[in-house]
PDB file of N, CA and C in Angstrom:
ATOM      1  N   MET A   1     194.178  85.822 293.267  1.00  0.00           N
ATOM      2  CA  MET A   1     194.567  86.901 292.548  1.00  0.00           C
ATOM      3  C   MET A   1     194.107  88.270 293.152  1.00  0.00           C
ATOM      4  N   LYS A   2     195.099  89.149 293.299  1.00  0.00           N
ATOM      5  CA  LYS A   2     194.759  90.426 293.904  1.00  0.00           C
ATOM      6  C   LYS A   2     194.567  91.510 292.890  1.00  0.00           C
ATOM      7  N   ILE A   3     193.449  92.253 293.023  1.00  0.00           N
ATOM      8  CA  ILE A   3     192.972  93.308 292.032  1.00  0.00           C
ATOM      9  C   ILE A   3     193.662  94.580 292.620  1.00  0.00           C
ATOM     10  N   ASP A   4     194.370  95.315 291.838  1.00  0.00           N
ATOM     11  CA  ASP A   4     195.077  96.507 292.279  1.00  0.00           C
ATOM     12  C   ASP A   4     194.219  97.704 291.748  1.00  0.00           C
ATOM     13  N   ALA A   5     193.313  98.283 292.578  1.00  0.00           N
ATOM     14  CA  ALA A   5     192.370  99.296 292.184  1.00  0.00           C
ATOM     15  C   ALA A   5     193.175 100.614 291.829  1.00  0.00           C
ATOM     16  N   LYS A   6     194.362 100.818 292.082  1.00  0.00           N
ATOM     17  CA  LYS A   6     195.072 101.972 291.646  1.00  0.00           C
ATOM     18  C   LYS A   6     195.301 102.091 290.301  1.00  0.00           C
ATOM     19  N   ARG A   7     195.211 100.844 289.440  1.00  0.00           N
ATOM     20  CA  ARG A   7     195.438 100.864 288.070  1.00  0.00           C
ATOM     21  C   ARG A   7     194.162 101.063 287.314  1.00  0.00           C
ATOM     22  N   PHE A   8     192.960 101.221 287.965  1.00  0.00           N
ATOM     23  CA  PHE A   8     191.707 101.498 287.334  1.00  0.00           C
ATOM     24  C   PHE A   8     191.653 102.967 287.025  1.00  0.00           C
ATOM     25  N   ASP A   9     192.150 103.366 285.929  1.00  0.00           N
ATOM     26  CA  ASP A   9     192.324 104.739 285.447  1.00  0.00           C
ATOM     27  C   ASP A   9     191.388 105.168 284.403  1.00  0.00           C
ATOM     28  N   ARG A  10     190.568 104.179 283.962  1.00  0.00           N
ATOM     29  CA  ARG A  10     189.712 104.509 282.869  1.00  0.00           C
ATOM     30  C   ARG A  10     188.179 104.206 283.284  1.00  0.00           C
ATOM     31  N   THR A  11     187.322 104.893 282.682  1.00  0.00           N
ATOM     32  CA  THR A  11     185.758 104.624 282.938  1.00  0.00           C
ATOM     33  C   THR A  11     185.149 104.099 281.757  1.00  0.00           C
ATOM     34  N   ILE A  12     184.506 102.945 282.033  1.00  0.00           N
ATOM     35  CA  ILE A  12     183.787 102.189 280.922  1.00  0.00           C
ATOM     36  C   ILE A  12     182.323 102.132 281.314  1.00  0.00           C
ATOM     37  N   ARG A  13     181.408 101.919 280.374  1.00  0.00           N
ATOM     38  CA  ARG A  13     180.135 101.688 280.638  1.00  0.00           C
ATOM     39  C   ARG A  13     179.651 100.315 279.960  1.00  0.00           C
ATOM     40  N   ILE A  14     178.797  99.547 280.660  1.00  0.00           N
ATOM     41  CA  ILE A  14     178.291  98.378 280.087  1.00  0.00           C
ATOM     42  C   ILE A  14     176.864  98.591 279.817  1.00  0.00           C
ATOM     43  N   GLU A  15     176.468  98.305 278.590  1.00  0.00           N
ATOM     44  CA  GLU A  15     175.021  98.549 278.163  1.00  0.00           C
ATOM     45  C   GLU A  15     174.502  97.252 277.572  1.00  0.00           C
ATOM     46  N   ARG A  16     173.019  97.137 277.757  1.00  0.00           N
ATOM     47  CA  ARG A  16     172.329  95.963 277.440  1.00  0.00           C
ATOM     48  C   ARG A  16     171.195  96.347 276.439  1.00  0.00           C
ATOM     49  N   VAL A  17     171.045  95.612 275.494  1.00  0.00           N
ATOM     50  CA  VAL A  17     169.937  95.951 274.476  1.00  0.00           C
ATOM     51  C   VAL A  17     168.583  95.660 275.120  1.00  0.00           C
ATOM     52  N   ILE A  18     167.655  96.564 274.916  1.00  0.00           N
ATOM     53  CA  ILE A  18     166.203  96.296 275.374  1.00  0.00           C
ATOM     54  C   ILE A  18     165.375  96.313 274.229  1.00  0.00           C
ATOM     55  N   GLU A  19     164.287  95.581 274.186  1.00  0.00           N
ATOM     56  CA  GLU A  19     163.340  95.577 273.071  1.00  0.00           C
ATOM     57  C   GLU A  19     162.085  96.256 273.491  1.00  0.00           C
ATOM     58  N   HIS A  20     161.622  97.222 272.588  1.00  0.00           N
ATOM     59  CA  HIS A  20     160.386  98.036 272.889  1.00  0.00           C
ATOM     60  C   HIS A  20     159.164  97.083 272.216  1.00  0.00           C
ATOM     61  N   LEU A  21     158.103  96.961 273.008  1.00  0.00           N
ATOM     62  CA  LEU A  21     156.902  96.247 272.521  1.00  0.00           C
ATOM     63  C   LEU A  21     155.791  97.227 272.321  1.00  0.00           C
ATOM     64  N   ASN A  22     154.945  96.991 271.446  1.00  0.00           N
ATOM     65  CA  ASN A  22     153.641  97.803 271.365  1.00  0.00           C
ATOM     66  C   ASN A  22     152.580  97.145 272.282  1.00  0.00           C
ATOM     67  N   ALA A  23     151.418  97.718 272.253  1.00  0.00           N
ATOM     68  CA  ALA A  23     150.372  97.169 273.132  1.00  0.00           C
ATOM     69  C   ALA A  23     150.004  95.678 272.930  1.00  0.00           C
ATOM     70  N   ARG A  24     150.194  95.305 271.672  1.00  0.00           N
ATOM     71  CA  ARG A  24     150.011  93.857 271.294  1.00  0.00           C
ATOM     72  C   ARG A  24     151.109  92.916 271.550  1.00  0.00           C
ATOM     73  N   GLY A  25     152.266  93.522 272.065  1.00  0.00           N
ATOM     74  CA  GLY A  25     153.437  92.634 272.397  1.00  0.00           C
ATOM     75  C   GLY A  25     154.316  92.498 271.151  1.00  0.00           C
ATOM     76  N   THR A  26     154.116  93.172 269.990  1.00  0.00           N
ATOM     77  CA  THR A  26     154.860  93.089 268.885  1.00  0.00           C
ATOM     78  C   THR A  26     156.115  93.968 269.064  1.00  0.00           C
ATOM     79  N   PRO A  27     157.415  93.475 268.753  1.00  0.00           N
ATOM     80  CA  PRO A  27     158.574  94.319 268.831  1.00  0.00           C
ATOM     81  C   PRO A  27     158.454  95.411 267.962  1.00  0.00           C
ATOM     82  N   THR A  28     158.822  96.708 268.595  1.00  0.00           N
ATOM     83  CA  THR A  28     158.668  97.889 267.618  1.00  0.00           C
ATOM     84  C   THR A  28     160.156  98.498 267.445  1.00  0.00           C
ATOM     85  N   GLY A  29     161.149  97.959 268.159  1.00  0.00           N
ATOM     86  CA  GLY A  29     162.442  98.500 268.093  1.00  0.00           C
ATOM     87  C   GLY A  29     163.308  98.136 269.229  1.00  0.00           C
ATOM     88  N   THR A  30     164.628  98.664 269.245  1.00  0.00           N
ATOM     89  CA  THR A  30     165.506  98.260 270.288  1.00  0.00           C
ATOM     90  C   THR A  30     166.203  99.476 270.689  1.00  0.00           C
ATOM     91  N   ASP A  31     166.733  99.458 271.954  1.00  0.00           N
ATOM     92  CA  ASP A  31     167.569 100.440 272.476  1.00  0.00           C
ATOM     93  C   ASP A  31     168.539  99.986 273.454  1.00  0.00           C
ATOM     94  N   TRP A  32     169.528 100.810 273.649  1.00  0.00           N
ATOM     95  CA  TRP A  32     170.639 100.191 274.655  1.00  0.00           C
ATOM     96  C   TRP A  32     170.287 100.907 276.200  1.00  0.00           C
ATOM     97  N   SER A  33     170.406 100.064 277.132  1.00  0.00           N
ATOM     98  CA  SER A  33     170.189 100.612 278.543  1.00  0.00           C
ATOM     99  C   SER A  33     171.386 100.410 279.273  1.00  0.00           C
ATOM    100  N   LEU A  34     171.786 101.447 280.116  1.00  0.00           N
ATOM    101  CA  LEU A  34     172.960 101.332 280.944  1.00  0.00           C
ATOM    102  C   LEU A  34     172.796 100.209 282.090  1.00  0.00           C
ATOM    103  N   VAL A  35     173.838  99.335 282.041  1.00  0.00           N
ATOM    104  CA  VAL A  35     173.767  98.363 283.191  1.00  0.00           C
ATOM    105  C   VAL A  35     174.705  98.756 284.294  1.00  0.00           C
ATOM    106  N   ALA A  36     175.940  99.236 283.985  1.00  0.00           N
ATOM    107  CA  ALA A  36     176.813  99.605 284.974  1.00  0.00           C
ATOM    108  C   ALA A  36     177.831 100.610 284.394  1.00  0.00           C
ATOM    109  N   THR A  37     178.362 101.461 285.272  1.00  0.00           N
ATOM    110  CA  THR A  37     179.594 102.363 284.925  1.00  0.00           C
ATOM    111  C   THR A  37     180.679 101.895 285.888  1.00  0.00           C
ATOM    112  N   LEU A  38     181.757 101.492 285.384  1.00  0.00           N
ATOM    113  CA  LEU A  38     182.798 100.814 286.087  1.00  0.00           C
ATOM    114  C   LEU A  38     184.138 101.494 285.883  1.00  0.00           C
ATOM    115  N   ARG A  39     185.074 101.593 286.766  1.00  0.00           N
ATOM    116  CA  ARG A  39     186.381 101.984 286.706  1.00  0.00           C
ATOM    117  C   ARG A  39     187.175 100.756 286.209  1.00  0.00           C
ATOM    118  N   ALA A  40     188.211 100.974 285.198  1.00  0.00           N
ATOM    119  CA  ALA A  40     188.840  99.738 284.633  1.00  0.00           C
ATOM    120  C   ALA A  40     190.249 100.188 284.328  1.00  0.00           C
ATOM    121  N   GLN A  41     191.116  99.142 284.012  1.00  0.00           N
ATOM    122  CA  GLN A  41     192.351  99.256 283.620  1.00  0.00           C
ATOM    123  C   GLN A  41     192.392  98.799 282.078  1.00  0.00           C
ATOM    124  N   LEU A  42     192.893  99.533 281.298  1.00  0.00           N
ATOM    125  CA  LEU A  42     193.121  99.156 279.764  1.00  0.00           C
ATOM    126  C   LEU A  42     194.389  98.309 279.814  1.00  0.00           C
ATOM    127  N   VAL A  43     194.233  97.067 279.422  1.00  0.00           N
ATOM    128  CA  VAL A  43     195.295  96.009 279.621  1.00  0.00           C
ATOM    129  C   VAL A  43     196.020  96.136 278.185  1.00  0.00           C
ATOM    130  N   GLN A  44     195.345  96.074 277.216  1.00  0.00           N
ATOM    131  CA  GLN A  44     196.019  96.019 275.831  1.00  0.00           C
ATOM    132  C   GLN A  44     195.045  96.413 274.640  1.00  0.00           C
ATOM    133  N   GLY A  45     195.562  96.882 273.722  1.00  0.00           N
ATOM    134  CA  GLY A  45     194.918  97.164 272.374  1.00  0.00           C
ATOM    135  C   GLY A  45     195.639  96.494 271.291  1.00  0.00           C
ATOM    136  N   SER A  46     194.895  95.908 270.323  1.00  0.00           N
ATOM    137  CA  SER A  46     195.506  95.107 269.262  1.00  0.00           C
ATOM    138  C   SER A  46     194.692  95.453 268.056  1.00  0.00           C
ATOM    139  N   THR A  47     195.287  95.229 266.916  1.00  0.00           N
ATOM    140  CA  THR A  47     194.589  95.516 265.687  1.00  0.00           C
ATOM    141  C   THR A  47     195.033  94.243 264.708  1.00  0.00           C
ATOM    142  N   SER A  48     194.102  93.786 264.206  1.00  0.00           N
ATOM    143  CA  SER A  48     194.524  92.666 263.157  1.00  0.00           C
ATOM    144  C   SER A  48     193.749  92.855 261.869  1.00  0.00           C
ATOM    145  N   GLU A  49     194.519  92.768 260.724  1.00  0.00           N
ATOM    146  CA  GLU A  49     193.725  93.097 259.348  1.00  0.00           C
ATOM    147  C   GLU A  49     193.268  91.748 258.955  1.00  0.00           C
ATOM    148  N   LEU A  50     191.921  91.798 258.475  1.00  0.00           N
ATOM    149  CA  LEU A  50     191.256  90.613 257.815  1.00  0.00           C
ATOM    150  C   LEU A  50     191.085  90.942 256.383  1.00  0.00           C
ATOM    151  N   LEU A  51     191.130  90.025 255.538  1.00  0.00           N
ATOM    152  CA  LEU A  51     190.727  90.166 254.141  1.00  0.00           C
ATOM    153  C   LEU A  51     189.425  89.537 253.968  1.00  0.00           C
ATOM    154  N   ARG A  52     188.464  90.387 253.680  1.00  0.00           N
ATOM    155  CA  ARG A  52     187.026  89.846 253.460  1.00  0.00           C
ATOM    156  C   ARG A  52     186.738  90.023 251.911  1.00  0.00           C
ATOM    157  N   THR A  53     185.529  89.291 251.671  1.00  0.00           N
ATOM    158  CA  THR A  53     185.200  89.361 250.196  1.00  0.00           C
ATOM    159  C   THR A  53     184.724  90.856 249.802  1.00  0.00           C
ATOM    160  N   VAL A  54     184.220  91.605 250.794  1.00  0.00           N
ATOM    161  CA  VAL A  54     183.893  92.913 250.427  1.00  0.00           C
ATOM    162  C   VAL A  54     185.072  93.974 250.343  1.00  0.00           C
ATOM    163  N   GLY A  55     186.066  93.594 250.963  1.00  0.00           N
ATOM    164  CA  GLY A  55     187.165  94.505 250.882  1.00  0.00           C
ATOM    165  C   GLY A  55     188.048  94.210 252.219  1.00  0.00           C
ATOM    166  N   GLN A  56     188.994  94.970 252.480  1.00  0.00           N
ATOM    167  CA  GLN A  56     189.826  94.880 253.603  1.00  0.00           C
ATOM    168  C   GLN A  56     189.130  95.538 254.950  1.00  0.00           C
ATOM    169  N   VAL A  57     189.176  94.839 255.842  1.00  0.00           N
ATOM    170  CA  VAL A  57     188.450  95.273 257.190  1.00  0.00           C
ATOM    171  C   VAL A  57     189.613  95.306 258.365  1.00  0.00           C
ATOM    172  N   ALA A  58     189.736  96.362 259.020  1.00  0.00           N
ATOM    173  CA  ALA A  58     190.673  96.394 260.153  1.00  0.00           C
ATOM    174  C   ALA A  58     189.746  96.036 261.437  1.00  0.00           C
ATOM    175  N   GLU A  59     190.280  95.003 262.164  1.00  0.00           N
ATOM    176  CA  GLU A  59     189.485  94.627 263.342  1.00  0.00           C
ATOM    177  C   GLU A  59     190.322  94.933 264.618  1.00  0.00           C
ATOM    178  N   ALA A  60     189.842  95.957 265.354  1.00  0.00           N
ATOM    179  CA  ALA A  60     190.663  96.420 266.511  1.00  0.00           C
ATOM    180  C   ALA A  60     189.927  95.871 267.768  1.00  0.00           C
ATOM    181  N   GLY A  61     190.816  95.656 268.780  1.00  0.00           N
ATOM    182  CA  GLY A  61     190.394  95.115 270.025  1.00  0.00           C
ATOM    183  C   GLY A  61     190.939  95.621 271.259  1.00  0.00           C
ATOM    184  N   LEU A  62     190.225  95.825 272.325  1.00  0.00           N
ATOM    185  CA  LEU A  62     190.774  96.372 273.486  1.00  0.00           C
ATOM    186  C   LEU A  62     190.438  95.349 274.620  1.00  0.00           C
ATOM    187  N   THR A  63     191.327  95.315 275.620  1.00  0.00           N
ATOM    188  CA  THR A  63     190.968  94.423 276.728  1.00  0.00           C
ATOM    189  C   THR A  63     191.082  95.307 278.031  1.00  0.00           C
ATOM    190  N   PHE A  64     190.099  95.061 278.925  1.00  0.00           N
ATOM    191  CA  PHE A  64     189.917  95.684 280.059  1.00  0.00           C
ATOM    192  C   PHE A  64     189.830  94.847 281.231  1.00  0.00           C
ATOM    193  N   ARG A  65     190.356  95.290 282.455  1.00  0.00           N
ATOM    194  CA  ARG A  65     190.238  94.599 283.717  1.00  0.00           C
ATOM    195  C   ARG A  65     189.466  95.528 284.728  1.00  0.00           C
ATOM    196  N   THR A  66     188.509  94.857 285.251  1.00  0.00           N
ATOM    197  CA  THR A  66     187.733  95.695 286.296  1.00  0.00           C
ATOM    198  C   THR A  66     187.261  94.803 287.579  1.00  0.00           C
ATOM    199  N   ARG A  67     186.751  95.356 288.502  1.00  0.00           N
ATOM    200  CA  ARG A  67     186.191  94.719 289.590  1.00  0.00           C
ATOM    201  C   ARG A  67     185.025  93.693 289.081  1.00  0.00           C
ATOM    202  N   TYR A  68     184.816  92.705 289.778  1.00  0.00           N
ATOM    203  CA  TYR A  68     183.778  91.798 289.458  1.00  0.00           C
ATOM    204  C   TYR A  68     182.358  92.401 289.473  1.00  0.00           C
ATOM    205  N   HIS A  69     181.626  92.197 288.479  1.00  0.00           N
ATOM    206  CA  HIS A  69     180.179  92.713 288.287  1.00  0.00           C
ATOM    207  C   HIS A  69     179.341  91.569 287.839  1.00  0.00           C
ATOM    208  N   ASP A  70     178.398  91.129 288.448  1.00  0.00           N
ATOM    209  CA  ASP A  70     177.638  89.987 288.235  1.00  0.00           C
ATOM    210  C   ASP A  70     176.695  90.246 286.979  1.00  0.00           C
ATOM    211  N   GLY A  71     176.614  89.212 286.093  1.00  0.00           N
ATOM    212  CA  GLY A  71     175.630  89.406 285.059  1.00  0.00           C
ATOM    213  C   GLY A  71     176.139  89.965 283.690  1.00  0.00           C
ATOM    214  N   ILE A  72     177.289  90.355 283.495  1.00  0.00           N
ATOM    215  CA  ILE A  72     177.870  91.000 282.321  1.00  0.00           C
ATOM    216  C   ILE A  72     178.133  89.750 281.337  1.00  0.00           C
ATOM    217  N   THR A  73     177.517  89.795 280.125  1.00  0.00           N
ATOM    218  CA  THR A  73     177.716  88.703 279.056  1.00  0.00           C
ATOM    219  C   THR A  73     178.152  89.252 277.912  1.00  0.00           C
ATOM    220  N   THR A  74     178.422  88.411 276.824  1.00  0.00           N
ATOM    221  CA  THR A  74     178.901  88.806 275.467  1.00  0.00           C
ATOM    222  C   THR A  74     177.658  89.459 274.741  1.00  0.00           C
ATOM    223  N   SER A  75     176.408  89.400 275.278  1.00  0.00           N
ATOM    224  CA  SER A  75     175.438  90.004 274.451  1.00  0.00           C
ATOM    225  C   SER A  75     175.241  91.441 274.833  1.00  0.00           C
ATOM    226  N   ASP A  76     175.945  91.846 275.832  1.00  0.00           N
ATOM    227  CA  ASP A  76     176.074  93.403 276.167  1.00  0.00           C
ATOM    228  C   ASP A  76     177.103  93.960 275.358  1.00  0.00           C
ATOM    229  N   ARG A  77     177.283  95.401 275.452  1.00  0.00           N
ATOM    230  CA  ARG A  77     178.212  96.039 274.772  1.00  0.00           C
ATOM    231  C   ARG A  77     179.051  96.939 275.817  1.00  0.00           C
ATOM    232  N   LEU A  78     180.335  97.195 275.417  1.00  0.00           N
ATOM    233  CA  LEU A  78     181.149  98.165 276.221  1.00  0.00           C
ATOM    234  C   LEU A  78     181.345  99.406 275.571  1.00  0.00           C
ATOM    235  N   VAL A  79     181.082 100.597 276.318  1.00  0.00           N
ATOM    236  CA  VAL A  79     181.295 101.982 275.701  1.00  0.00           C
ATOM    237  C   VAL A  79     182.636 102.557 276.416  1.00  0.00           C
ATOM    238  N   TYR A  80     183.563 102.884 275.636  1.00  0.00           N
ATOM    239  CA  TYR A  80     184.814 103.416 276.180  1.00  0.00           C
ATOM    240  C   TYR A  80     185.268 104.701 275.249  1.00  0.00           C
ATOM    241  N   ASP A  81     185.420 105.800 275.873  1.00  0.00           N
ATOM    242  CA  ASP A  81     185.845 106.902 275.156  1.00  0.00           C
ATOM    243  C   ASP A  81     185.004 107.139 273.990  1.00  0.00           C
ATOM    244  N   GLY A  82     183.801 107.175 274.197  1.00  0.00           N
ATOM    245  CA  GLY A  82     182.761 107.399 272.929  1.00  0.00           C
ATOM    246  C   GLY A  82     182.611 106.338 272.072  1.00  0.00           C
ATOM    247  N   GLN A  83     183.422 105.232 272.130  1.00  0.00           N
ATOM    248  CA  GLN A  83     183.384 104.064 271.172  1.00  0.00           C
ATOM    249  C   GLN A  83     182.468 102.930 271.666  1.00  0.00           C
ATOM    250  N   GLU A  84     181.590 102.475 270.851  1.00  0.00           N
ATOM    251  CA  GLU A  84     180.775 101.241 271.160  1.00  0.00           C
ATOM    252  C   GLU A  84     181.510 100.114 270.702  1.00  0.00           C
ATOM    253  N   LEU A  85     181.803  99.176 271.668  1.00  0.00           N
ATOM    254  CA  LEU A  85     182.661  98.053 271.463  1.00  0.00           C
ATOM    255  C   LEU A  85     181.901  96.682 271.747  1.00  0.00           C
ATOM    256  N   GLU A  86     181.984  95.809 270.770  1.00  0.00           N
ATOM    257  CA  GLU A  86     181.386  94.518 270.981  1.00  0.00           C
ATOM    258  C   GLU A  86     182.162  93.638 272.111  1.00  0.00           C
ATOM    259  N   LEU A  87     181.415  93.052 273.143  1.00  0.00           N
ATOM    260  CA  LEU A  87     182.169  92.184 274.014  1.00  0.00           C
ATOM    261  C   LEU A  87     182.370  90.766 273.404  1.00  0.00           C
ATOM    262  N   VAL A  88     183.439  90.285 273.243  1.00  0.00           N
ATOM    263  CA  VAL A  88     183.625  89.051 272.636  1.00  0.00           C
ATOM    264  C   VAL A  88     184.124  87.907 273.619  1.00  0.00           C
ATOM    265  N   GLU A  89     184.650  88.385 274.881  1.00  0.00           N
ATOM    266  CA  GLU A  89     184.926  87.381 275.898  1.00  0.00           C
ATOM    267  C   GLU A  89     184.647  88.224 277.270  1.00  0.00           C
ATOM    268  N   VAL A  90     184.235  87.404 278.300  1.00  0.00           N
ATOM    269  CA  VAL A  90     184.065  87.926 279.555  1.00  0.00           C
ATOM    270  C   VAL A  90     184.606  86.807 280.428  1.00  0.00           C
ATOM    271  N   ARG A  91     185.689  87.228 281.059  1.00  0.00           N
ATOM    272  CA  ARG A  91     186.517  86.058 281.826  1.00  0.00           C
ATOM    273  C   ARG A  91     186.475  86.563 283.313  1.00  0.00           C
ATOM    274  N   GLU A  92     186.071  85.637 284.184  1.00  0.00           N
ATOM    275  CA  GLU A  92     186.273  85.887 285.716  1.00  0.00           C
ATOM    276  C   GLU A  92     187.712  85.760 286.088  1.00  0.00           C
ATOM    277  N   LEU A  93     188.194  86.661 286.938  1.00  0.00           N
ATOM    278  CA  LEU A  93     189.358  86.557 287.518  1.00  0.00           C
ATOM    279  C   LEU A  93     189.314  86.220 288.907  1.00  0.00           C
ATOM    280  N   GLY A  94     190.072  85.130 289.388  1.00  0.00           N
ATOM    281  CA  GLY A  94     189.945  84.712 290.729  1.00  0.00           C
ATOM    282  C   GLY A  94     188.589  84.205 290.991  1.00  0.00           C
ATOM    283  N   ARG A  95     188.150  84.237 292.208  1.00  0.00           N
ATOM    284  CA  ARG A  95     186.705  83.909 292.565  1.00  0.00           C
ATOM    285  C   ARG A  95     185.895  85.187 292.834  1.00  0.00           C
ATOM    286  N   ARG A  96     185.347  85.627 291.756  1.00  0.00           N
ATOM    287  CA  ARG A  96     184.475  86.835 291.827  1.00  0.00           C
ATOM    288  C   ARG A  96     185.346  88.069 292.242  1.00  0.00           C
ATOM    289  N   GLN A  97     186.557  88.171 291.969  1.00  0.00           N
ATOM    290  CA  GLN A  97     187.374  89.209 292.377  1.00  0.00           C
ATOM    291  C   GLN A  97     187.433  90.326 291.233  1.00  0.00           C
ATOM    292  N   GLY A  98     187.511  89.849 290.024  1.00  0.00           N
ATOM    293  CA  GLY A  98     187.517  90.728 288.866  1.00  0.00           C
ATOM    294  C   GLY A  98     186.992  90.155 287.612  1.00  0.00           C
ATOM    295  N   LEU A  99     186.955  91.011 286.563  1.00  0.00           N
ATOM    296  CA  LEU A  99     186.694  90.526 285.171  1.00  0.00           C
ATOM    297  C   LEU A  99     187.611  91.000 284.295  1.00  0.00           C
ATOM    298  N   GLU A 100     187.974  90.173 283.238  1.00  0.00           N
ATOM    299  CA  GLU A 100     188.621  90.722 282.077  1.00  0.00           C
ATOM    300  C   GLU A 100     187.593  90.589 280.833  1.00  0.00           C
ATOM    301  N   LEU A 101     187.510  91.782 280.381  1.00  0.00           N
ATOM    302  CA  LEU A 101     186.568  92.089 279.176  1.00  0.00           C
ATOM    303  C   LEU A 101     187.420  92.311 277.846  1.00  0.00           C
ATOM    304  N   ARG A 102     187.172  91.409 276.897  1.00  0.00           N
ATOM    305  CA  ARG A 102     187.911  91.480 275.667  1.00  0.00           C
ATOM    306  C   ARG A 102     186.884  92.040 274.702  1.00  0.00           C
ATOM    307  N   THR A 103     187.176  93.097 273.853  1.00  0.00           N
ATOM    308  CA  THR A 103     186.202  93.700 272.895  1.00  0.00           C
ATOM    309  C   THR A 103     186.865  93.664 271.544  1.00  0.00           C
ATOM    310  N   LYS A 104     185.849  93.990 270.556  1.00  0.00           N
ATOM    311  CA  LYS A 104     186.344  94.188 269.140  1.00  0.00           C
ATOM    312  C   LYS A 104     185.495  95.228 268.530  1.00  0.00           C
ATOM    313  N   THR A 105     185.972  95.805 267.501  1.00  0.00           N
ATOM    314  CA  THR A 105     185.209  96.910 266.757  1.00  0.00           C
ATOM    315  C   THR A 105     185.716  96.694 265.298  1.00  0.00           C
ATOM    316  N   GLN A 106     184.834  96.858 264.336  1.00  0.00           N
ATOM    317  CA  GLN A 106     185.313  96.793 262.931  1.00  0.00           C
ATOM    318  C   GLN A 106     185.311  98.038 262.198  1.00  0.00           C
ATOM    319  N   VAL A 107     186.276  98.426 261.628  1.00  0.00           N
ATOM    320  CA  VAL A 107     186.512  99.720 260.888  1.00  0.00           C
ATOM    321  C   VAL A 107     186.768  99.412 259.461  1.00  0.00           C
ATOM    322  N   ALA A 108     185.905  99.760 258.460  1.00  0.00           N
ATOM    323  CA  ALA A 108     186.237  99.495 257.093  1.00  0.00           C
ATOM    324  C   ALA A 108     187.248 100.336 256.599  1.00  0.00           C
ATOM    325  N   SER A 109     188.326  99.975 255.790  1.00  0.00           N
ATOM    326  CA  SER A 109     189.375 100.739 255.470  1.00  0.00           C
ATOM    327  C   SER A 109     189.353 100.994 253.988  1.00  0.00           C
TER     328      SER A 109
END
């Protein structure tokens, strides 16, 4: 699979949660740390409406393609255009040539 870098017209950030510990080793809080800033292609955006017991929730998702970056997992998050998005799938394209990152965010309606 050939990755066409000319299509990478968006900038995304990958962030990972870090846990703060006090002197005794007890967790005192969490924060997000920058893992990578990548150029990416926005492949698609989708919205699906789900009926929940609390009410109606719109679940929006974006899919990005980018060059391969080792270590990105679904426990990380993706930040695009000021939005913090949950990574729901990280798929390798080719043999370490690229990644497809599928995200979701929930917005109460």
